[in-house]
Amino acid sequence: MLKLYQAISTAQAEAVSGRALEIGGLNCKSITALIKSHKASRHTAEPAAVGEHANVRGPGYFH
C-alpha cells in the first residue's frame, strides 16, 4: 500500500484516501483502481446545484 502512495502527490493521496472512505473501498484493489483512474482528483464534495427553470417547483407549490 505504501508503494502506491509514494508514486503520487500528497494532494492526490489525500483525495484518493477521502474517496476510498466515502465509497467504502478500503482495500488495495480499490485504492489501486482509484489511483489509476484518477477519479479521486475529479471528485467534488459539493452536490451539483439545481438550475432555475420553469419546471422546478418552489416550496410554495407544496404548501
N, C-alpha and C. Protein backbone atom coordinates (compact mmCIF):
# COMPACT_ATOMS: atom_id res chain seq x y z
N MET A 1 0.83 -1.18 0.00
CA MET A 1 0.00 0.00 0.00
C MET A 1 0.87 1.25 0.00
N LEU A 2 1.93 1.23 0.77
CA LEU A 2 2.80 2.39 0.86
C LEU A 2 3.44 2.72 -0.49
N LYS A 3 3.79 1.70 -1.27
CA LYS A 3 4.38 1.93 -2.59
C LYS A 3 3.40 2.65 -3.51
N LEU A 4 2.12 2.33 -3.38
CA LEU A 4 1.12 3.00 -4.20
C LEU A 4 1.09 4.50 -3.90
N TYR A 5 1.14 4.85 -2.64
CA TYR A 5 1.07 6.25 -2.24
C TYR A 5 2.36 7.01 -2.52
N GLN A 6 3.49 6.33 -2.54
CA GLN A 6 4.76 7.01 -2.82
C GLN A 6 4.85 7.45 -4.28
N ALA A 7 4.06 6.85 -5.15
CA ALA A 7 4.12 7.17 -6.57
C ALA A 7 3.24 8.36 -6.95
N ILE A 8 2.46 8.91 -6.01
CA ILE A 8 1.55 10.02 -6.33
C ILE A 8 1.82 11.20 -5.41
N SER A 9 1.27 12.35 -5.75
CA SER A 9 1.47 13.56 -4.95
C SER A 9 0.68 13.47 -3.64
N THR A 10 1.04 14.33 -2.71
CA THR A 10 0.36 14.36 -1.42
C THR A 10 -1.11 14.73 -1.59
N ALA A 11 -1.38 15.71 -2.45
CA ALA A 11 -2.76 16.13 -2.67
C ALA A 11 -3.59 15.00 -3.26
N GLN A 12 -3.01 14.27 -4.21
CA GLN A 12 -3.75 13.16 -4.81
C GLN A 12 -3.93 12.03 -3.80
N ALA A 13 -2.94 11.80 -2.95
CA ALA A 13 -3.06 10.77 -1.92
C ALA A 13 -4.19 11.10 -0.95
N GLU A 14 -4.32 12.37 -0.57
CA GLU A 14 -5.41 12.79 0.30
C GLU A 14 -6.76 12.59 -0.39
N ALA A 15 -6.83 12.95 -1.68
CA ALA A 15 -8.07 12.80 -2.42
C ALA A 15 -8.46 11.33 -2.56
N VAL A 16 -7.49 10.49 -2.87
CA VAL A 16 -7.74 9.05 -3.01
C VAL A 16 -8.21 8.47 -1.68
N SER A 17 -7.57 8.85 -0.60
CA SER A 17 -7.95 8.34 0.72
C SER A 17 -9.36 8.76 1.09
N GLY A 18 -9.68 10.01 0.84
CA GLY A 18 -11.02 10.50 1.13
C GLY A 18 -12.08 9.80 0.31
N ARG A 19 -11.79 9.61 -0.98
CA ARG A 19 -12.75 8.94 -1.86
C ARG A 19 -12.92 7.48 -1.45
N ALA A 20 -11.83 6.83 -1.06
CA ALA A 20 -11.90 5.43 -0.62
C ALA A 20 -12.78 5.30 0.62
N LEU A 21 -12.66 6.25 1.54
CA LEU A 21 -13.51 6.24 2.73
C LEU A 21 -14.98 6.44 2.37
N GLU A 22 -15.25 7.35 1.42
CA GLU A 22 -16.63 7.62 1.02
C GLU A 22 -17.31 6.40 0.42
N ILE A 23 -16.58 5.67 -0.41
CA ILE A 23 -17.19 4.54 -1.11
C ILE A 23 -16.99 3.22 -0.38
N GLY A 24 -16.25 3.24 0.72
CA GLY A 24 -16.02 2.02 1.48
C GLY A 24 -15.01 1.09 0.82
N GLY A 25 -14.19 1.63 -0.04
CA GLY A 25 -13.18 0.82 -0.73
C GLY A 25 -11.86 0.87 -0.01
N LEU A 26 -11.77 0.18 1.10
CA LEU A 26 -10.57 0.24 1.94
C LEU A 26 -9.69 -0.98 1.75
N ASN A 27 -9.42 -1.33 0.50
CA ASN A 27 -8.51 -2.43 0.21
C ASN A 27 -7.59 -2.03 -0.93
N CYS A 28 -6.53 -2.80 -1.15
CA CYS A 28 -5.54 -2.46 -2.17
C CYS A 28 -6.14 -2.37 -3.56
N LYS A 29 -7.04 -3.27 -3.88
CA LYS A 29 -7.64 -3.29 -5.21
C LYS A 29 -8.41 -2.00 -5.49
N SER A 30 -9.21 -1.55 -4.54
CA SER A 30 -9.99 -0.33 -4.72
C SER A 30 -9.11 0.90 -4.81
N ILE A 31 -8.13 0.97 -3.94
CA ILE A 31 -7.25 2.14 -3.93
C ILE A 31 -6.40 2.18 -5.20
N THR A 32 -5.93 1.04 -5.66
CA THR A 32 -5.19 0.99 -6.92
C THR A 32 -6.06 1.48 -8.07
N ALA A 33 -7.31 1.05 -8.09
CA ALA A 33 -8.23 1.48 -9.15
C ALA A 33 -8.47 2.99 -9.07
N LEU A 34 -8.63 3.53 -7.87
CA LEU A 34 -8.83 4.97 -7.72
C LEU A 34 -7.62 5.75 -8.21
N ILE A 35 -6.43 5.27 -7.87
CA ILE A 35 -5.21 5.95 -8.30
C ILE A 35 -5.08 5.90 -9.82
N LYS A 36 -5.32 4.74 -10.40
CA LYS A 36 -5.16 4.59 -11.85
C LYS A 36 -6.20 5.38 -12.63
N SER A 37 -7.40 5.47 -12.13
CA SER A 37 -8.46 6.14 -12.87
C SER A 37 -8.53 7.64 -12.58
N HIS A 38 -7.83 8.08 -11.57
CA HIS A 38 -7.81 9.50 -11.17
C HIS A 38 -9.20 10.01 -10.81
N LYS A 39 -10.09 9.11 -10.40
CA LYS A 39 -11.44 9.54 -10.02
C LYS A 39 -11.40 10.40 -8.77
N ALA A 40 -10.49 10.15 -7.90
CA ALA A 40 -10.44 10.90 -6.65
C ALA A 40 -10.13 12.37 -6.90
N SER A 41 -9.31 12.66 -7.89
CA SER A 41 -8.96 14.05 -8.16
C SER A 41 -10.10 14.81 -8.81
N ARG A 42 -11.03 14.11 -9.45
CA ARG A 42 -12.17 14.76 -10.10
C ARG A 42 -13.37 14.86 -9.17
N HIS A 43 -13.33 14.18 -8.05
CA HIS A 43 -14.47 14.15 -7.15
C HIS A 43 -14.63 15.48 -6.44
N THR A 44 -15.88 15.96 -6.33
CA THR A 44 -16.16 17.17 -5.57
C THR A 44 -17.07 16.81 -4.40
N ALA A 45 -16.85 17.47 -3.30
CA ALA A 45 -17.65 17.19 -2.11
C ALA A 45 -19.03 17.84 -2.17
N GLU A 46 -19.16 18.89 -3.00
CA GLU A 46 -20.43 19.59 -3.09
C GLU A 46 -21.32 18.96 -4.16
N PRO A 47 -22.60 18.78 -3.86
CA PRO A 47 -23.51 18.25 -4.88
C PRO A 47 -23.76 19.30 -5.96
N ALA A 48 -24.12 18.87 -7.13
CA ALA A 48 -24.40 19.79 -8.22
C ALA A 48 -25.64 20.61 -7.90
N ALA A 49 -25.58 21.89 -8.21
CA ALA A 49 -26.70 22.78 -7.94
C ALA A 49 -27.79 22.57 -8.98
N VAL A 50 -29.03 22.71 -8.54
CA VAL A 50 -30.16 22.59 -9.45
C VAL A 50 -30.42 23.97 -10.04
N GLY A 51 -30.47 24.05 -11.35
CA GLY A 51 -30.69 25.32 -12.01
C GLY A 51 -32.13 25.78 -11.90
N GLU A 52 -32.34 27.07 -12.03
CA GLU A 52 -33.68 27.64 -12.00
C GLU A 52 -34.27 27.58 -13.41
N HIS A 53 -35.43 26.98 -13.54
CA HIS A 53 -36.17 26.99 -14.80
C HIS A 53 -37.63 26.73 -14.51
N ALA A 54 -38.46 26.79 -15.52
CA ALA A 54 -39.91 26.73 -15.36
C ALA A 54 -40.41 25.42 -14.76
N ASN A 55 -39.69 24.33 -14.92
CA ASN A 55 -40.15 23.03 -14.44
C ASN A 55 -39.80 22.75 -12.97
N VAL A 56 -39.03 23.63 -12.34
CA VAL A 56 -38.67 23.42 -10.95
C VAL A 56 -39.70 24.12 -10.07
N ARG A 57 -40.36 23.36 -9.23
CA ARG A 57 -41.40 23.90 -8.35
C ARG A 57 -40.76 24.41 -7.06
N GLY A 58 -41.20 25.54 -6.61
CA GLY A 58 -40.68 26.12 -5.38
C GLY A 58 -41.39 25.57 -4.16
N PRO A 59 -40.97 26.01 -2.96
CA PRO A 59 -41.58 25.50 -1.73
C PRO A 59 -43.06 25.89 -1.59
N GLY A 60 -43.48 26.98 -2.22
CA GLY A 60 -44.87 27.40 -2.15
C GLY A 60 -45.83 26.45 -2.84
N TYR A 61 -45.35 25.68 -3.77
CA TYR A 61 -46.18 24.74 -4.52
C TYR A 61 -46.72 23.63 -3.63
N PHE A 62 -45.94 23.21 -2.64
CA PHE A 62 -46.28 22.06 -1.81
C PHE A 62 -47.03 22.42 -0.54
N HIS A 63 -47.24 23.70 -0.27
CA HIS A 63 -47.90 24.09 0.99
C HIS A 63 -49.30 24.56 0.76
